[in-house]
């Protein structure tokens, strides 16, 4: 993964969103090996937002976050990805899906 993150928690979140976008792109856009340009741009954007998250390792999942740092257009795109890929993650990446569900139970606390 070309991006570095400040904690193992954020590294896991980055891997999860990448797996969801890969699944969505493969199934919806027919991209077998590489992400299409739109999905690559969305993944880069998601990683950028993770790197700048004010909660860092104390963050919940983005869907449960009180701070909406995605632009409205990107928020709608990532929601479409999550709605499609989320349920399918239980079969393709069960541990990753379970950890993501547990992360959603966290209460976000700002670092510091």
Protein backbone atom coordinates (compact mmCIF):
# COMPACT_ATOMS: atom_id res chain seq x y z
CA UNK A 1 0.00 0.00 0.00
CA UNK A 2 1.65 3.26 -1.09
CA UNK A 3 0.05 5.37 1.65
CA UNK A 4 1.31 5.41 5.21
CA UNK A 5 -1.00 5.83 8.15
CA UNK A 6 -0.31 6.80 11.74
CA UNK A 7 -1.74 3.67 13.36
CA UNK A 8 -2.63 0.04 12.75
CA UNK A 9 -6.28 1.03 13.14
CA UNK A 10 -6.05 3.46 10.19
CA UNK A 11 -4.04 0.95 8.16
CA UNK A 12 -6.88 -1.55 8.65
CA UNK A 13 -9.47 1.07 7.69
CA UNK A 14 -7.47 1.86 4.53
CA UNK A 15 -7.27 -1.84 3.61
CA UNK A 16 -11.01 -2.24 4.20
CA UNK A 17 -12.03 0.69 2.01
CA UNK A 18 -9.60 -0.49 -0.68
CA UNK A 19 -11.11 -4.00 -0.65
CA UNK A 20 -14.62 -2.56 -0.91
CA UNK A 21 -13.71 -0.30 -3.81
CA UNK A 22 -11.88 -3.15 -5.59
CA UNK A 23 -14.93 -5.40 -5.24
CA UNK A 24 -17.28 -2.68 -6.46
CA UNK A 25 -15.05 -1.81 -9.42
CA UNK A 26 -14.58 -5.45 -10.42
CA UNK A 27 -18.29 -6.27 -10.26
CA UNK A 28 -19.75 -3.01 -11.54
CA UNK A 29 -17.09 -1.77 -13.96
CA UNK A 30 -15.54 -5.06 -15.07
CA UNK A 31 -12.06 -4.13 -13.88
CA UNK A 32 -10.35 -7.46 -13.35
CA UNK A 33 -6.86 -6.38 -12.25
CA UNK A 34 -6.61 -2.60 -12.02
CA UNK A 35 -9.15 -0.10 -10.75
CA UNK A 36 -10.84 2.07 -13.35
CA UNK A 37 -9.92 5.77 -13.28
CA UNK A 38 -13.05 6.76 -11.30
CA UNK A 39 -12.53 4.11 -8.64
CA UNK A 40 -8.79 4.86 -8.40
CA UNK A 41 -9.63 8.53 -7.85
CA UNK A 42 -12.20 7.61 -5.15
CA UNK A 43 -9.70 5.36 -3.37
CA UNK A 44 -7.02 8.06 -3.43
CA UNK A 45 -9.56 10.52 -2.03
CA UNK A 46 -10.62 8.11 0.74
CA UNK A 47 -6.99 7.55 1.74
CA UNK A 48 -6.36 11.30 1.77
CA UNK A 49 -9.37 11.82 4.06
CA UNK A 50 -8.13 9.04 6.39
CA UNK A 51 -4.68 10.62 6.63
CA UNK A 52 -6.28 13.94 7.65
CA UNK A 53 -8.93 12.52 10.00
CA UNK A 54 -9.02 14.52 13.26
CA UNK A 55 -9.83 11.36 15.25
CA UNK A 56 -6.96 9.21 13.89
CA UNK A 57 -6.73 5.87 15.73
CA UNK A 58 -9.73 6.83 17.90
CA UNK A 59 -12.05 7.10 14.91
CA UNK A 60 -15.22 5.18 14.33
CA UNK A 61 -16.18 4.15 10.81
CA UNK A 62 -16.68 7.08 8.46
CA UNK A 63 -20.41 6.38 8.18
CA UNK A 64 -20.85 6.91 11.92
CA UNK A 65 -18.54 9.91 12.19
CA UNK A 66 -19.95 13.25 13.40
CA UNK A 67 -17.57 15.13 11.06
CA UNK A 68 -18.44 14.82 7.37
CA UNK A 69 -15.15 15.50 5.64
CA UNK A 70 -16.14 14.03 2.25
CA UNK A 71 -17.61 16.37 -0.32
CA UNK A 72 -21.30 15.61 -0.99
CA UNK A 73 -20.49 14.07 -4.39
CA UNK A 74 -17.75 11.82 -2.97
CA UNK A 75 -19.91 10.91 0.03
CA UNK A 76 -22.63 9.66 -2.32
CA UNK A 77 -20.09 7.68 -4.37
CA UNK A 78 -18.57 5.99 -1.31
CA UNK A 79 -22.05 5.21 0.03
CA UNK A 80 -22.87 3.43 -3.25
CA UNK A 81 -19.66 1.41 -2.91
CA UNK A 82 -20.39 0.53 0.72
CA UNK A 83 -24.01 -0.42 0.03
CA UNK A 84 -22.88 -2.77 -2.72
CA UNK A 85 -19.64 -4.17 -1.32
CA UNK A 86 -20.39 -4.16 2.41
CA UNK A 87 -22.69 -7.20 2.49
CA UNK A 88 -20.43 -9.07 0.05
CA UNK A 89 -17.42 -8.52 2.31
CA UNK A 90 -18.88 -11.05 4.74
CA UNK A 91 -18.14 -13.75 2.15
CA UNK A 92 -14.92 -12.50 0.57
CA UNK A 93 -13.25 -10.91 3.64
CA UNK A 94 -15.15 -12.09 6.75
CA UNK A 95 -12.58 -11.00 9.35
CA UNK A 96 -12.17 -7.59 7.74
CA UNK A 97 -15.97 -7.18 7.65
CA UNK A 98 -16.32 -8.18 11.31
CA UNK A 99 -13.60 -5.77 12.44
CA UNK A 100 -15.24 -3.00 10.40
CA UNK A 101 -18.56 -3.67 12.14
CA UNK A 102 -16.85 -3.57 15.54
CA UNK A 103 -15.07 -0.34 14.62
CA UNK A 104 -18.50 1.14 13.92
CA UNK A 105 -19.34 0.67 17.60
CA UNK A 106 -16.52 2.99 18.68
CA UNK A 107 -17.26 6.47 19.90
CA UNK A 108 -15.03 8.96 18.10
CA UNK A 109 -12.67 10.93 20.34
CA UNK A 110 -10.37 13.60 19.05
CA UNK A 111 -6.68 12.89 19.49
CA UNK A 112 -4.96 14.96 22.13
